[in-house]
Each structure stands twice: as C-alpha cells, then as structure tokens.
Amino acid sequence: MSEHELLLVRIGDVLSKVARPYRCDDELPADVRMTLSQLGFPCDELTSREELIAGLWARKRSVLTAMQPEWGGTPPAAA
C-alpha cells in the first residue's frame, strides 16, 4: 500500500468514529483525539465534530486528488 492509500485508510477510520451518532454531552474518546492529532487535527473538548468532519473530508479530497494521474489528453466530450 502506498503512503497515500494508508493515509486514506486512517482518515476513513477516524472519520467513521467522529461522524457516528452521539449524545450532545459526549466527548471524543482519547484514542480518537490522539489519532486526530497525529493526522494534524489538534482538538479539545470545545472542538465541534462538524468542524472536524469538514476538515477530514477536505483532507480526504486533497489526498484523492493528489493520487489521480495528470490528464494528458483531450478532455472527453459531453455525450
């Protein structure tokens, strides 16, 4: 697995943990906060899940874009 693929797996795993249903007063578990910090998303009890989810999706999109090969030909025409 490439570095980008491993990063996508880690982002997907933590995204599924952050985005799951929760009670309003629930904090993120310590292991999830640690993983977020390792991925460059430092957070505390005041960080909203919505903010984290938006950031994780943005990172996932940028990694996916970086993995796509450059388009070298003529763009396809609309049918």
N, C-alpha and C. Protein backbone atom coordinates (compact mmCIF):
# COMPACT_ATOMS: atom_id res chain seq x y z
N MET A 1 0.83 -1.18 0.00
CA MET A 1 0.00 0.00 0.00
C MET A 1 0.88 1.24 0.00
N SER A 2 0.50 2.22 -0.80
CA SER A 2 1.27 3.45 -0.85
C SER A 2 0.98 4.31 0.38
N GLU A 3 1.79 5.34 0.53
CA GLU A 3 1.61 6.26 1.66
C GLU A 3 0.24 6.95 1.58
N HIS A 4 -0.16 7.33 0.37
CA HIS A 4 -1.45 7.98 0.20
C HIS A 4 -2.60 7.03 0.55
N GLU A 5 -2.48 5.79 0.15
CA GLU A 5 -3.53 4.81 0.45
C GLU A 5 -3.65 4.57 1.95
N LEU A 6 -2.52 4.47 2.63
CA LEU A 6 -2.55 4.29 4.09
C LEU A 6 -3.17 5.50 4.78
N LEU A 7 -2.85 6.69 4.28
CA LEU A 7 -3.44 7.91 4.85
C LEU A 7 -4.95 7.92 4.65
N LEU A 8 -5.40 7.50 3.47
CA LEU A 8 -6.84 7.44 3.21
C LEU A 8 -7.54 6.48 4.16
N VAL A 9 -6.91 5.35 4.44
CA VAL A 9 -7.49 4.38 5.37
C VAL A 9 -7.59 4.98 6.77
N ARG A 10 -6.53 5.64 7.21
CA ARG A 10 -6.55 6.26 8.55
C ARG A 10 -7.60 7.35 8.64
N ILE A 11 -7.69 8.18 7.60
CA ILE A 11 -8.70 9.25 7.60
C ILE A 11 -10.09 8.64 7.61
N GLY A 12 -10.32 7.61 6.81
CA GLY A 12 -11.63 6.96 6.77
C GLY A 12 -12.01 6.36 8.11
N ASP A 13 -11.04 5.73 8.77
CA ASP A 13 -11.31 5.12 10.08
C ASP A 13 -11.70 6.17 11.12
N VAL A 14 -10.93 7.24 11.19
CA VAL A 14 -11.22 8.26 12.21
C VAL A 14 -12.49 9.03 11.83
N LEU A 15 -12.73 9.21 10.54
CA LEU A 15 -13.96 9.88 10.11
C LEU A 15 -15.19 9.09 10.53
N SER A 16 -15.12 7.77 10.42
CA SER A 16 -16.26 6.95 10.83
C SER A 16 -16.49 7.02 12.34
N LYS A 17 -15.42 7.21 13.10
CA LYS A 17 -15.57 7.32 14.56
C LYS A 17 -16.10 8.69 14.97
N VAL A 18 -15.66 9.74 14.27
CA VAL A 18 -16.09 11.10 14.61
C VAL A 18 -17.53 11.34 14.16
N ALA A 19 -17.91 10.77 13.02
CA ALA A 19 -19.21 11.06 12.43
C ALA A 19 -20.35 10.17 12.94
N ARG A 20 -20.05 9.20 13.78
CA ARG A 20 -21.14 8.34 14.27
C ARG A 20 -22.05 9.10 15.23
N PRO A 21 -23.28 8.64 15.36
CA PRO A 21 -24.22 9.33 16.26
C PRO A 21 -23.69 9.40 17.69
N TYR A 22 -24.01 10.48 18.37
CA TYR A 22 -23.53 10.69 19.73
C TYR A 22 -24.50 11.58 20.49
N ARG A 23 -24.38 11.56 21.80
CA ARG A 23 -25.15 12.48 22.63
C ARG A 23 -24.46 13.82 22.65
N CYS A 24 -25.21 14.87 22.89
CA CYS A 24 -24.67 16.23 22.87
C CYS A 24 -23.53 16.43 23.86
N ASP A 25 -23.59 15.76 25.01
CA ASP A 25 -22.57 15.98 26.04
C ASP A 25 -21.40 14.98 25.94
N ASP A 26 -21.39 14.12 24.91
CA ASP A 26 -20.30 13.16 24.75
C ASP A 26 -19.06 13.84 24.19
N GLU A 27 -17.92 13.53 24.79
CA GLU A 27 -16.64 13.99 24.27
C GLU A 27 -16.07 12.91 23.37
N LEU A 28 -15.13 13.30 22.52
CA LEU A 28 -14.45 12.31 21.69
C LEU A 28 -13.57 11.44 22.58
N PRO A 29 -13.53 10.14 22.33
CA PRO A 29 -12.64 9.27 23.11
C PRO A 29 -11.18 9.68 22.94
N ALA A 30 -10.36 9.37 23.92
CA ALA A 30 -8.96 9.77 23.92
C ALA A 30 -8.20 9.20 22.71
N ASP A 31 -8.48 7.96 22.33
CA ASP A 31 -7.77 7.37 21.19
C ASP A 31 -8.12 8.09 19.88
N VAL A 32 -9.35 8.56 19.76
CA VAL A 32 -9.77 9.30 18.57
C VAL A 32 -9.08 10.67 18.55
N ARG A 33 -9.04 11.34 19.70
CA ARG A 33 -8.35 12.64 19.77
C ARG A 33 -6.87 12.49 19.44
N MET A 34 -6.24 11.40 19.90
CA MET A 34 -4.83 11.16 19.62
C MET A 34 -4.61 10.94 18.12
N THR A 35 -5.48 10.14 17.49
CA THR A 35 -5.37 9.90 16.06
C THR A 35 -5.57 11.19 15.27
N LEU A 36 -6.55 11.99 15.68
CA LEU A 36 -6.78 13.28 15.02
C LEU A 36 -5.54 14.16 15.12
N SER A 37 -4.92 14.19 16.28
CA SER A 37 -3.71 14.98 16.48
C SER A 37 -2.59 14.49 15.57
N GLN A 38 -2.44 13.17 15.44
CA GLN A 38 -1.41 12.61 14.57
C GLN A 38 -1.64 12.96 13.11
N LEU A 39 -2.92 13.13 12.74
CA LEU A 39 -3.26 13.49 11.37
C LEU A 39 -3.22 15.00 11.13
N GLY A 40 -2.89 15.78 12.18
CA GLY A 40 -2.78 17.22 12.03
C GLY A 40 -4.05 17.97 12.37
N PHE A 41 -4.92 17.34 13.17
CA PHE A 41 -6.17 17.97 13.60
C PHE A 41 -6.21 18.03 15.12
N PRO A 42 -5.41 18.93 15.74
CA PRO A 42 -5.47 19.01 17.19
C PRO A 42 -6.86 19.44 17.64
N CYS A 43 -7.36 18.81 18.68
CA CYS A 43 -8.70 19.15 19.14
C CYS A 43 -8.77 19.02 20.66
N ASP A 44 -9.77 19.68 21.21
CA ASP A 44 -10.05 19.58 22.63
C ASP A 44 -11.55 19.42 22.80
N GLU A 45 -12.04 19.56 24.03
CA GLU A 45 -13.47 19.35 24.28
C GLU A 45 -14.34 20.43 23.64
N LEU A 46 -13.75 21.54 23.23
CA LEU A 46 -14.52 22.62 22.61
C LEU A 46 -14.59 22.51 21.08
N THR A 47 -13.79 21.63 20.51
CA THR A 47 -13.78 21.46 19.06
C THR A 47 -15.04 20.71 18.63
N SER A 48 -15.78 21.29 17.71
CA SER A 48 -17.02 20.65 17.28
C SER A 48 -16.74 19.50 16.33
N ARG A 49 -17.58 18.50 16.40
CA ARG A 49 -17.46 17.37 15.48
C ARG A 49 -17.67 17.82 14.05
N GLU A 50 -18.57 18.77 13.85
CA GLU A 50 -18.83 19.27 12.49
C GLU A 50 -17.56 19.87 11.89
N GLU A 51 -16.82 20.61 12.69
CA GLU A 51 -15.57 21.21 12.24
C GLU A 51 -14.56 20.13 11.87
N LEU A 52 -14.46 19.10 12.70
CA LEU A 52 -13.53 18.01 12.43
C LEU A 52 -13.93 17.23 11.18
N ILE A 53 -15.22 16.96 11.03
CA ILE A 53 -15.70 16.22 9.86
C ILE A 53 -15.40 17.00 8.59
N ALA A 54 -15.65 18.30 8.60
CA ALA A 54 -15.36 19.12 7.42
C ALA A 54 -13.87 19.09 7.08
N GLY A 55 -13.03 19.19 8.09
CA GLY A 55 -11.59 19.15 7.87
C GLY A 55 -11.10 17.81 7.37
N LEU A 56 -11.65 16.73 7.93
CA LEU A 56 -11.26 15.39 7.49
C LEU A 56 -11.67 15.14 6.05
N TRP A 57 -12.89 15.56 5.68
CA TRP A 57 -13.34 15.40 4.29
C TRP A 57 -12.48 16.22 3.34
N ALA A 58 -12.10 17.42 3.74
CA ALA A 58 -11.24 18.24 2.90
C ALA A 58 -9.88 17.57 2.69
N ARG A 59 -9.32 17.01 3.76
CA ARG A 59 -8.04 16.30 3.64
C ARG A 59 -8.20 15.08 2.75
N LYS A 60 -9.29 14.35 2.92
CA LYS A 60 -9.52 13.15 2.10
C LYS A 60 -9.61 13.52 0.62
N ARG A 61 -10.34 14.60 0.31
CA ARG A 61 -10.46 15.05 -1.08
C ARG A 61 -9.10 15.45 -1.65
N SER A 62 -8.28 16.13 -0.86
CA SER A 62 -6.98 16.56 -1.37
C SER A 62 -6.05 15.37 -1.60
N VAL A 63 -6.12 14.36 -0.75
CA VAL A 63 -5.30 13.16 -0.95
C VAL A 63 -5.78 12.41 -2.20
N LEU A 64 -7.09 12.28 -2.36
CA LEU A 64 -7.62 11.62 -3.55
C LEU A 64 -7.23 12.36 -4.82
N THR A 65 -7.26 13.68 -4.78
CA THR A 65 -6.87 14.48 -5.94
C THR A 65 -5.39 14.28 -6.25
N ALA A 66 -4.56 14.22 -5.22
CA ALA A 66 -3.12 14.02 -5.41
C ALA A 66 -2.81 12.64 -5.98
N MET A 67 -3.67 11.68 -5.74
CA MET A 67 -3.45 10.31 -6.22
C MET A 67 -3.85 10.14 -7.68
N GLN A 68 -4.70 11.02 -8.20
CA GLN A 68 -5.16 10.87 -9.58
C GLN A 68 -4.05 11.26 -10.54
N PRO A 69 -3.89 10.46 -11.59
CA PRO A 69 -2.84 10.81 -12.57
C PRO A 69 -3.24 12.08 -13.32
N GLU A 70 -2.22 12.79 -13.78
CA GLU A 70 -2.46 14.00 -14.55
C GLU A 70 -3.13 13.65 -15.86
N TRP A 71 -4.07 14.47 -16.27
CA TRP A 71 -4.77 14.25 -17.54
C TRP A 71 -3.86 14.79 -18.64
N GLY A 72 -3.48 13.90 -19.56
CA GLY A 72 -2.55 14.33 -20.59
C GLY A 72 -3.16 14.45 -21.97
N GLY A 73 -4.40 14.09 -22.11
CA GLY A 73 -5.00 14.10 -23.43
C GLY A 73 -6.10 15.12 -23.56
N THR A 74 -6.89 14.93 -24.57
CA THR A 74 -8.02 15.80 -24.81
C THR A 74 -9.13 15.43 -23.85
N PRO A 75 -9.74 16.41 -23.19
CA PRO A 75 -10.84 16.08 -22.27
C PRO A 75 -11.99 15.43 -23.02
N PRO A 76 -12.67 14.49 -22.38
CA PRO A 76 -13.78 13.82 -23.05
C PRO A 76 -14.91 14.81 -23.36
N ALA A 77 -15.57 14.60 -24.46
CA ALA A 77 -16.69 15.46 -24.84
C ALA A 77 -17.96 14.96 -24.16
N ALA A 78 -18.85 15.88 -23.86
CA ALA A 78 -20.13 15.51 -23.28
C ALA A 78 -20.96 14.79 -24.32
N ALA A 79 -21.67 13.77 -23.88
CA ALA A 79 -22.49 13.00 -24.83
C ALA A 79 -23.79 13.69 -25.13
